[in-house]
Amino acid sequence: MKEKPNISFDYLYRSTWQSISKMYNEEALKKNSVMTVGFVLISIDYKQGTPSTLLGPKMGIEATSLSRTLKKMEEQGLIYREKNPDDGRSVLIKLTDKGKEQRDISKQIVLKFNDEVAKNLTQKQMDAFLVVTETIQELIQKKLIF
């Protein structure tokens, strides 16, 4: 019997995410876009907009990278910035009509991915995946590893 190689959790997550990211970018290219733009569009509240300061942490993107992406999206007519009426110091990122259309496309792509994965897993497998993922996130957030 062949022995399984000793592969770490972080390797599996990283390599899987790279495959997912490549798949999303290939799909986004068909729409003249990139994966990051799609995720930003999905992360912006459809009706109210989202404070720019919340987008980075919500998506796990560094401020400088997010800033470049938002500037590009604004140039493409996908978003606009508006002063936050609840907090004069911050800016709301809002979707244009074009941005809303692109958001709907991005959302459909993500839902298709989720549906296809779910079709190929049992409920027990999905539950186990969620437990493992939540445990890893909790260990990291509580700084129980390092």
Protein backbone atom coordinates (compact mmCIF):
# COMPACT_ATOMS: atom_id res chain seq x y z
CA MET A 1 0.00 0.00 0.00
CA LYS A 2 1.29 3.43 -1.00
CA GLU A 3 1.92 5.85 1.87
CA LYS A 4 0.27 9.27 1.70
CA PRO A 5 2.72 12.18 1.67
CA ASN A 6 2.71 14.34 4.79
CA ILE A 7 0.99 17.53 3.55
CA SER A 8 0.25 20.43 5.90
CA PHE A 9 -3.07 22.21 6.33
CA ASP A 10 -1.62 25.53 5.23
CA TYR A 11 -0.23 23.95 2.06
CA LEU A 12 -3.63 22.46 1.21
CA TYR A 13 -5.44 25.75 1.81
CA ARG A 14 -2.85 27.79 -0.08
CA SER A 15 -2.71 25.49 -3.10
CA THR A 16 -6.50 25.14 -3.20
CA TRP A 17 -6.95 28.91 -2.96
CA GLN A 18 -4.43 29.39 -5.79
CA SER A 19 -6.49 27.03 -7.96
CA ILE A 20 -9.72 28.82 -7.05
CA SER A 21 -8.13 32.20 -7.67
CA LYS A 22 -6.84 31.09 -11.07
CA MET A 23 -10.28 29.74 -11.99
CA TYR A 24 -12.00 33.00 -10.96
CA ASN A 25 -9.43 35.13 -12.80
CA GLU A 26 -9.88 33.07 -15.98
CA GLU A 27 -13.64 33.59 -15.71
CA ALA A 28 -13.22 37.31 -14.95
CA LEU A 29 -10.97 37.75 -17.99
CA LYS A 30 -13.88 36.64 -20.17
CA LYS A 31 -15.71 39.73 -18.81
CA ASN A 32 -12.66 42.01 -19.15
CA SER A 33 -12.09 42.04 -15.41
CA VAL A 34 -10.09 40.43 -12.59
CA MET A 35 -11.16 38.41 -9.58
CA THR A 36 -10.35 41.16 -7.06
CA VAL A 37 -12.76 43.56 -8.76
CA GLY A 38 -15.52 40.95 -8.59
CA PHE A 39 -14.93 40.37 -4.90
CA VAL A 40 -14.92 44.10 -4.17
CA LEU A 41 -18.21 44.48 -6.06
CA ILE A 42 -19.77 41.64 -4.06
CA SER A 43 -18.50 43.16 -0.80
CA ILE A 44 -20.16 46.54 -1.39
CA ASP A 45 -23.67 46.91 -0.01
CA TYR A 46 -25.96 47.02 -3.03
CA LYS A 47 -28.22 49.85 -1.78
CA GLN A 48 -26.39 51.73 0.98
CA GLY A 49 -22.78 51.45 -0.13
CA THR A 50 -19.97 50.46 2.20
CA PRO A 51 -17.51 52.63 4.12
CA SER A 52 -14.13 52.37 2.42
CA THR A 53 -12.49 51.67 5.78
CA LEU A 54 -14.53 48.47 6.18
CA LEU A 55 -13.80 46.99 2.75
CA GLY A 56 -10.13 46.09 3.36
CA PRO A 57 -10.66 44.17 6.60
CA LYS A 58 -13.86 42.59 5.24
CA MET A 59 -11.96 41.19 2.25
CA GLY A 60 -8.54 40.67 3.80
CA ILE A 61 -6.90 43.11 1.38
CA GLU A 62 -4.15 45.56 2.34
CA ALA A 63 -5.10 49.24 2.21
CA THR A 64 -2.66 50.15 -0.61
CA SER A 65 -3.81 47.29 -2.79
CA LEU A 66 -7.47 48.10 -2.14
CA SER A 67 -6.85 51.76 -2.87
CA ARG A 68 -5.38 50.92 -6.31
CA THR A 69 -8.28 48.57 -7.05
CA LEU A 70 -10.89 51.17 -6.04
CA LYS A 71 -9.20 53.83 -8.19
CA LYS A 72 -9.25 51.47 -11.18
CA MET A 73 -12.90 50.58 -10.52
CA GLU A 74 -13.82 54.27 -10.32
CA GLU A 75 -12.07 54.90 -13.66
CA GLN A 76 -14.05 52.02 -15.17
CA GLY A 77 -17.31 53.53 -13.96
CA LEU A 78 -18.14 50.66 -11.58
CA ILE A 79 -18.15 52.66 -8.34
CA TYR A 80 -18.27 56.21 -7.03
CA ARG A 81 -17.35 57.75 -3.71
CA GLU A 82 -19.76 59.70 -1.55
CA LYS A 83 -19.26 61.43 1.78
CA ASN A 84 -20.63 59.26 4.60
CA PRO A 85 -23.61 61.12 6.12
CA ASP A 86 -23.15 59.22 9.41
CA ASP A 87 -19.42 59.96 9.70
CA GLY A 88 -18.04 63.01 7.95
CA ARG A 89 -14.51 61.62 8.18
CA SER A 90 -15.22 58.56 6.03
CA VAL A 91 -16.31 57.87 2.48
CA LEU A 92 -18.94 55.45 1.23
CA ILE A 93 -18.12 53.36 -1.80
CA LYS A 94 -21.26 52.98 -3.88
CA LEU A 95 -22.08 51.01 -7.00
CA THR A 96 -22.97 52.65 -10.28
CA ASP A 97 -25.58 50.99 -12.50
CA LYS A 98 -22.69 49.40 -14.42
CA GLY A 99 -21.17 48.28 -11.10
CA LYS A 100 -24.48 46.70 -10.07
CA GLU A 101 -24.63 44.77 -13.35
CA GLN A 102 -21.04 43.54 -12.89
CA ARG A 103 -21.79 42.69 -9.25
CA ASP A 104 -24.71 40.50 -10.31
CA ILE A 105 -22.46 38.67 -12.80
CA SER A 106 -19.76 38.17 -10.15
CA LYS A 107 -22.32 36.91 -7.65
CA GLN A 108 -23.65 34.36 -10.15
CA ILE A 109 -20.12 33.06 -10.75
CA VAL A 110 -19.53 32.60 -7.01
CA LEU A 111 -22.92 30.91 -6.56
CA LYS A 112 -22.18 28.53 -9.45
CA PHE A 113 -18.86 27.57 -7.83
CA ASN A 114 -20.57 26.96 -4.47
CA ASP A 115 -23.38 24.93 -6.06
CA GLU A 116 -20.96 22.73 -8.02
CA VAL A 117 -18.82 22.03 -4.97
CA ALA A 118 -21.91 21.30 -2.84
CA LYS A 119 -23.23 18.86 -5.47
CA ASN A 120 -20.04 16.84 -5.13
CA LEU A 121 -19.94 16.64 -1.34
CA THR A 122 -22.12 14.97 1.24
CA GLN A 123 -23.59 17.03 4.07
CA LYS A 124 -21.20 15.26 6.44
CA GLN A 125 -18.21 16.32 4.30
CA MET A 126 -19.42 19.94 4.17
CA ASP A 127 -19.96 19.98 7.94
CA ALA A 128 -16.47 18.57 8.54
CA PHE A 129 -14.93 21.17 6.21
CA LEU A 130 -16.70 23.98 8.10
CA VAL A 131 -15.56 22.63 11.47
CA VAL A 132 -11.93 22.40 10.31
CA THR A 133 -12.01 25.86 8.73
CA GLU A 134 -13.66 27.50 11.74
CA THR A 135 -11.21 25.79 14.10
CA ILE A 136 -8.22 27.08 12.11
CA GLN A 137 -9.67 30.61 12.04
CA GLU A 138 -10.34 30.52 15.78
CA LEU A 139 -6.82 29.29 16.58
CA ILE A 140 -5.37 32.12 14.51
CA GLN A 141 -7.68 34.84 15.84
CA LYS A 142 -7.05 33.84 19.45
CA LYS A 143 -3.30 33.68 18.72
CA LEU A 144 -3.15 30.13 20.03
CA ILE A 145 -0.59 29.00 17.44
CA PHE A 146 1.97 31.82 17.53
